[in-house]
Amino acid sequence: MFSHELQQARHADLLREADAQRLVNVARAARKARRSLDRRSGGHTSEGQVNTEHGRFVRAA
């Protein structure tokens, strides 16, 4: 009976480890895809659009 419980606990541990590894792989693939997209677009995708309103603030004295 005890060996069966150990086997079930080990099985649950292996499932948790597999889920964690799968999550790591998904995050790694997403990071790789993002870097690839940044390289193709010149690296400006995460910076956003530049504000060109130069007269918005007055010059300090």
PDB file of N, CA and C in Angstrom:
ATOM      1  N   MET A   1       0.814  -1.189   0.000  1.00  0.00           N
ATOM      2  CA  MET A   1       0.000   0.000   0.000  1.00  0.00           C
ATOM      3  C   MET A   1       0.865   1.263   0.000  1.00  0.00           C
ATOM      4  N   PHE A   2       1.909   1.278   0.789  1.00  0.00           N
ATOM      5  CA  PHE A   2       2.784   2.437   0.867  1.00  0.00           C
ATOM      6  C   PHE A   2       3.480   2.686  -0.467  1.00  0.00           C
ATOM      7  N   SER A   3       3.899   1.625  -1.158  1.00  0.00           N
ATOM      8  CA  SER A   3       4.583   1.811  -2.443  1.00  0.00           C
ATOM      9  C   SER A   3       3.633   2.403  -3.485  1.00  0.00           C
ATOM     10  N   HIS A   4       2.363   2.051  -3.410  1.00  0.00           N
ATOM     11  CA  HIS A   4       1.387   2.614  -4.336  1.00  0.00           C
ATOM     12  C   HIS A   4       1.231   4.112  -4.091  1.00  0.00           C
ATOM     13  N   GLU A   5       1.202   4.539  -2.841  1.00  0.00           N
ATOM     14  CA  GLU A   5       1.098   5.962  -2.515  1.00  0.00           C
ATOM     15  C   GLU A   5       2.337   6.712  -2.963  1.00  0.00           C
ATOM     16  N   LEU A   6       3.503   6.101  -2.800  1.00  0.00           N
ATOM     17  CA  LEU A   6       4.740   6.731  -3.281  1.00  0.00           C
ATOM     18  C   LEU A   6       4.704   6.902  -4.795  1.00  0.00           C
ATOM     19  N   GLN A   7       4.206   5.882  -5.488  1.00  0.00           N
ATOM     20  CA  GLN A   7       4.129   5.943  -6.937  1.00  0.00           C
ATOM     21  C   GLN A   7       3.172   7.049  -7.367  1.00  0.00           C
ATOM     22  N   GLN A   8       2.055   7.198  -6.700  1.00  0.00           N
ATOM     23  CA  GLN A   8       1.104   8.256  -7.030  1.00  0.00           C
ATOM     24  C   GLN A   8       1.702   9.641  -6.771  1.00  0.00           C
ATOM     25  N   ALA A   9       2.433   9.786  -5.670  1.00  0.00           N
ATOM     26  CA  ALA A   9       3.070  11.062  -5.356  1.00  0.00           C
ATOM     27  C   ALA A   9       4.132  11.399  -6.397  1.00  0.00           C
ATOM     28  N   ARG A  10       4.916  10.394  -6.800  1.00  0.00           N
ATOM     29  CA  ARG A  10       5.942  10.620  -7.822  1.00  0.00           C
ATOM     30  C   ARG A  10       5.308  10.989  -9.155  1.00  0.00           C
ATOM     31  N   HIS A  11       4.206  10.345  -9.482  1.00  0.00           N
ATOM     32  CA  HIS A  11       3.494  10.657 -10.715  1.00  0.00           C
ATOM     33  C   HIS A  11       3.008  12.111 -10.706  1.00  0.00           C
ATOM     34  N   ALA A  12       2.453  12.539  -9.581  1.00  0.00           N
ATOM     35  CA  ALA A  12       1.994  13.924  -9.455  1.00  0.00           C
ATOM     36  C   ALA A  12       3.165  14.899  -9.570  1.00  0.00           C
ATOM     37  N   ASP A  13       4.313  14.560  -8.974  1.00  0.00           N
ATOM     38  CA  ASP A  13       5.506  15.400  -9.084  1.00  0.00           C
ATOM     39  C   ASP A  13       5.962  15.513 -10.537  1.00  0.00           C
ATOM     40  N   LEU A  14       5.962  14.393 -11.244  1.00  0.00           N
ATOM     41  CA  LEU A  14       6.377  14.414 -12.646  1.00  0.00           C
ATOM     42  C   LEU A  14       5.433  15.258 -13.494  1.00  0.00           C
ATOM     43  N   LEU A  15       4.144  15.189 -13.207  1.00  0.00           N
ATOM     44  CA  LEU A  15       3.191  16.017 -13.947  1.00  0.00           C
ATOM     45  C   LEU A  15       3.428  17.503 -13.687  1.00  0.00           C
ATOM     46  N   ARG A  16       3.696  17.861 -12.420  1.00  0.00           N
ATOM     47  CA  ARG A  16       3.982  19.264 -12.102  1.00  0.00           C
ATOM     48  C   ARG A  16       5.264  19.732 -12.776  1.00  0.00           C
ATOM     49  N   GLU A  17       6.292  18.897 -12.770  1.00  0.00           N
ATOM     50  CA  GLU A  17       7.542  19.264 -13.438  1.00  0.00           C
ATOM     51  C   GLU A  17       7.329  19.434 -14.942  1.00  0.00           C
ATOM     52  N   ALA A  18       6.541  18.559 -15.550  1.00  0.00           N
ATOM     53  CA  ALA A  18       6.269  18.663 -16.982  1.00  0.00           C
ATOM     54  C   ALA A  18       5.510  19.953 -17.295  1.00  0.00           C
ATOM     55  N   ASP A  19       4.541  20.308 -16.455  1.00  0.00           N
ATOM     56  CA  ASP A  19       3.804  21.551 -16.663  1.00  0.00           C
ATOM     57  C   ASP A  19       4.714  22.768 -16.533  1.00  0.00           C
ATOM     58  N   ALA A  20       5.595  22.742 -15.544  1.00  0.00           N
ATOM     59  CA  ALA A  20       6.528  23.855 -15.359  1.00  0.00           C
ATOM     60  C   ALA A  20       7.467  23.973 -16.557  1.00  0.00           C
ATOM     61  N   GLN A  21       7.966  22.855 -17.049  1.00  0.00           N
ATOM     62  CA  GLN A  21       8.868  22.878 -18.203  1.00  0.00           C
ATOM     63  C   GLN A  21       8.135  23.370 -19.450  1.00  0.00           C
ATOM     64  N   ARG A  22       6.899  22.966 -19.602  1.00  0.00           N
ATOM     65  CA  ARG A  22       6.096  23.424 -20.743  1.00  0.00           C
ATOM     66  C   ARG A  22       5.911  24.932 -20.692  1.00  0.00           C
ATOM     67  N   LEU A  23       5.663  25.471 -19.497  1.00  0.00           N
ATOM     68  CA  LEU A  23       5.509  26.911 -19.339  1.00  0.00           C
ATOM     69  C   LEU A  23       6.807  27.644 -19.677  1.00  0.00           C
ATOM     70  N   VAL A  24       7.939  27.095 -19.250  1.00  0.00           N
ATOM     71  CA  VAL A  24       9.239  27.684 -19.572  1.00  0.00           C
ATOM     72  C   VAL A  24       9.446  27.695 -21.084  1.00  0.00           C
ATOM     73  N   ASN A  25       9.107  26.599 -21.734  1.00  0.00           N
ATOM     74  CA  ASN A  25       9.289  26.515 -23.186  1.00  0.00           C
ATOM     75  C   ASN A  25       8.407  27.517 -23.924  1.00  0.00           C
ATOM     76  N   VAL A  26       7.178  27.701 -23.448  1.00  0.00           N
ATOM     77  CA  VAL A  26       6.285  28.676 -24.079  1.00  0.00           C
ATOM     78  C   VAL A  26       6.838  30.085 -23.901  1.00  0.00           C
ATOM     79  N   ALA A  27       7.318  30.407 -22.710  1.00  0.00           N
ATOM     80  CA  ALA A  27       7.885  31.734 -22.455  1.00  0.00           C
ATOM     81  C   ALA A  27       9.130  31.957 -23.299  1.00  0.00           C
ATOM     82  N   ARG A  28       9.964  30.949 -23.410  1.00  0.00           N
ATOM     83  CA  ARG A  28      11.187  31.052 -24.216  1.00  0.00           C
ATOM     84  C   ARG A  28      10.842  31.276 -25.685  1.00  0.00           C
ATOM     85  N   ALA A  29       9.860  30.556 -26.199  1.00  0.00           N
ATOM     86  CA  ALA A  29       9.449  30.718 -27.591  1.00  0.00           C
ATOM     87  C   ALA A  29       8.854  32.108 -27.830  1.00  0.00           C
ATOM     88  N   ALA A  30       8.081  32.606 -26.876  1.00  0.00           N
ATOM     89  CA  ALA A  30       7.502  33.944 -27.012  1.00  0.00           C
ATOM     90  C   ALA A  30       8.589  35.010 -27.008  1.00  0.00           C
ATOM     91  N   ARG A  31       9.573  34.856 -26.138  1.00  0.00           N
ATOM     92  CA  ARG A  31      10.686  35.817 -26.093  1.00  0.00           C
ATOM     93  C   ARG A  31      11.482  35.786 -27.383  1.00  0.00           C
ATOM     94  N   LYS A  32      11.702  34.593 -27.915  1.00  0.00           N
ATOM     95  CA  LYS A  32      12.438  34.451 -29.171  1.00  0.00           C
ATOM     96  C   LYS A  32      11.662  35.084 -30.327  1.00  0.00           C
ATOM     97  N   ALA A  33      10.353  34.874 -30.355  1.00  0.00           N
ATOM     98  CA  ALA A  33       9.524  35.462 -31.407  1.00  0.00           C
ATOM     99  C   ALA A  33       9.526  36.983 -31.299  1.00  0.00           C
ATOM    100  N   ARG A  34       9.483  37.491 -30.080  1.00  0.00           N
ATOM    101  CA  ARG A  34       9.495  38.949 -29.890  1.00  0.00           C
ATOM    102  C   ARG A  34      10.808  39.565 -30.373  1.00  0.00           C
ATOM    103  N   ARG A  35      11.930  38.912 -30.043  1.00  0.00           N
ATOM    104  CA  ARG A  35      13.226  39.415 -30.508  1.00  0.00           C
ATOM    105  C   ARG A  35      13.306  39.385 -32.020  1.00  0.00           C
ATOM    106  N   SER A  36      12.786  38.329 -32.625  1.00  0.00           N
ATOM    107  CA  SER A  36      12.792  38.215 -34.076  1.00  0.00           C
ATOM    108  C   SER A  36      11.952  39.326 -34.701  1.00  0.00           C
ATOM    109  N   LEU A  37      10.788  39.601 -34.119  1.00  0.00           N
ATOM    110  CA  LEU A  37       9.928  40.667 -34.615  1.00  0.00           C
ATOM    111  C   LEU A  37      10.613  42.023 -34.464  1.00  0.00           C
ATOM    112  N   ASP A  38      11.280  42.251 -33.342  1.00  0.00           N
ATOM    113  CA  ASP A  38      11.990  43.516 -33.133  1.00  0.00           C
ATOM    114  C   ASP A  38      13.100  43.708 -34.152  1.00  0.00           C
ATOM    115  N   ARG A  39      13.805  42.635 -34.463  1.00  0.00           N
ATOM    116  CA  ARG A  39      14.889  42.749 -35.455  1.00  0.00           C
ATOM    117  C   ARG A  39      14.332  43.065 -36.838  1.00  0.00           C
ATOM    118  N   ARG A  40      13.204  42.443 -37.195  1.00  0.00           N
ATOM    119  CA  ARG A  40      12.633  42.686 -38.519  1.00  0.00           C
ATOM    120  C   ARG A  40      12.055  44.080 -38.638  1.00  0.00           C
ATOM    121  N   SER A  41      11.555  44.639 -37.570  1.00  0.00           N
ATOM    122  CA  SER A  41      10.928  45.951 -37.641  1.00  0.00           C
ATOM    123  C   SER A  41      11.877  47.067 -37.233  1.00  0.00           C
ATOM    124  N   GLY A  42      13.115  46.775 -37.076  1.00  0.00           N
ATOM    125  CA  GLY A  42      14.084  47.793 -36.716  1.00  0.00           C
ATOM    126  C   GLY A  42      14.178  48.042 -35.230  1.00  0.00           C
ATOM    127  N   GLY A  43      13.518  47.242 -34.422  1.00  0.00           N
ATOM    128  CA  GLY A  43      13.625  47.374 -32.976  1.00  0.00           C
ATOM    129  C   GLY A  43      12.774  48.462 -32.373  1.00  0.00           C
ATOM    130  N   HIS A  44      11.810  48.995 -33.120  1.00  0.00           N
ATOM    131  CA  HIS A  44      11.018  50.112 -32.620  1.00  0.00           C
ATOM    132  C   HIS A  44       9.619  49.722 -32.177  1.00  0.00           C
ATOM    133  N   THR A  45       9.314  48.448 -32.116  1.00  0.00           N
ATOM    134  CA  THR A  45       7.950  48.052 -31.779  1.00  0.00           C
ATOM    135  C   THR A  45       7.608  48.327 -30.327  1.00  0.00           C
ATOM    136  N   SER A  46       8.534  48.197 -29.412  1.00  0.00           N
ATOM    137  CA  SER A  46       8.205  48.365 -28.005  1.00  0.00           C
ATOM    138  C   SER A  46       8.315  49.813 -27.549  1.00  0.00           C
ATOM    139  N   GLU A  47       8.867  50.687 -28.378  1.00  0.00           N
ATOM    140  CA  GLU A  47       9.076  52.065 -27.953  1.00  0.00           C
ATOM    141  C   GLU A  47       7.849  52.930 -28.146  1.00  0.00           C
ATOM    142  N   GLY A  48       6.989  52.603 -29.052  1.00  0.00           N
ATOM    143  CA  GLY A  48       5.809  53.402 -29.298  1.00  0.00           C
ATOM    144  C   GLY A  48       6.094  54.556 -30.246  1.00  0.00           C
ATOM    145  N   GLN A  49       5.088  55.375 -30.456  1.00  0.00           N
ATOM    146  CA  GLN A  49       5.210  56.484 -31.384  1.00  0.00           C
ATOM    147  C   GLN A  49       5.779  57.707 -30.677  1.00  0.00           C
ATOM    148  N   VAL A  50       6.571  58.464 -31.385  1.00  0.00           N
ATOM    149  CA  VAL A  50       7.198  59.656 -30.831  1.00  0.00           C
ATOM    150  C   VAL A  50       6.212  60.813 -30.897  1.00  0.00           C
ATOM    151  N   ASN A  51       6.142  61.583 -29.823  1.00  0.00           N
ATOM    152  CA  ASN A  51       5.295  62.762 -29.779  1.00  0.00           C
ATOM    153  C   ASN A  51       6.021  63.905 -30.465  1.00  0.00           C
ATOM    154  N   THR A  52       5.390  64.508 -31.482  1.00  0.00           N
ATOM    155  CA  THR A  52       6.047  65.562 -32.254  1.00  0.00           C
ATOM    156  C   THR A  52       5.498  66.943 -31.932  1.00  0.00           C
ATOM    157  N   GLU A  53       4.781  67.100 -30.831  1.00  0.00           N
ATOM    158  CA  GLU A  53       4.243  68.402 -30.452  1.00  0.00           C
ATOM    159  C   GLU A  53       5.328  69.198 -29.737  1.00  0.00           C
ATOM    160  N   HIS A  54       6.107  69.964 -30.487  1.00  0.00           N
ATOM    161  CA  HIS A  54       7.234  70.694 -29.908  1.00  0.00           C
ATOM    162  C   HIS A  54       6.797  71.939 -29.139  1.00  0.00           C
ATOM    163  N   GLY A  55       5.675  72.551 -29.499  1.00  0.00           N
ATOM    164  CA  GLY A  55       5.223  73.763 -28.832  1.00  0.00           C
ATOM    165  C   GLY A  55       4.348  73.494 -27.626  1.00  0.00           C
ATOM    166  N   ARG A  56       4.343  72.308 -27.134  1.00  0.00           N
ATOM    167  CA  ARG A  56       3.447  71.967 -26.045  1.00  0.00           C
ATOM    168  C   ARG A  56       3.892  72.587 -24.716  1.00  0.00           C
ATOM    169  N   PHE A  57       5.186  72.673 -24.478  1.00  0.00           N
ATOM    170  CA  PHE A  57       5.703  73.255 -23.231  1.00  0.00           C
ATOM    171  C   PHE A  57       6.469  74.529 -23.573  1.00  0.00           C
ATOM    172  N   VAL A  58       6.364  75.517 -22.688  1.00  0.00           N
ATOM    173  CA  VAL A  58       7.100  76.753 -22.898  1.00  0.00           C
ATOM    174  C   VAL A  58       8.477  76.622 -22.303  1.00  0.00           C
ATOM    175  N   ARG A  59       9.409  77.393 -22.805  1.00  0.00           N
ATOM    176  CA  ARG A  59      10.775  77.367 -22.326  1.00  0.00           C
ATOM    177  C   ARG A  59      10.867  78.032 -20.944  1.00  0.00           C
ATOM    178  N   ALA A  60      11.592  77.435 -20.044  1.00  0.00           N
ATOM    179  CA  ALA A  60      11.749  77.998 -18.699  1.00  0.00           C
ATOM    180  C   ALA A  60      12.693  79.190 -18.754  1.00  0.00           C
ATOM    181  N   ALA A  61      12.487  80.139 -17.852  1.00  0.00           N
ATOM    182  CA  ALA A  61      13.309  81.360 -17.836  1.00  0.00           C
ATOM    183  C   ALA A  61      14.693  81.113 -17.282  1.00  0.00           C
TER     184      ALA A  61
END
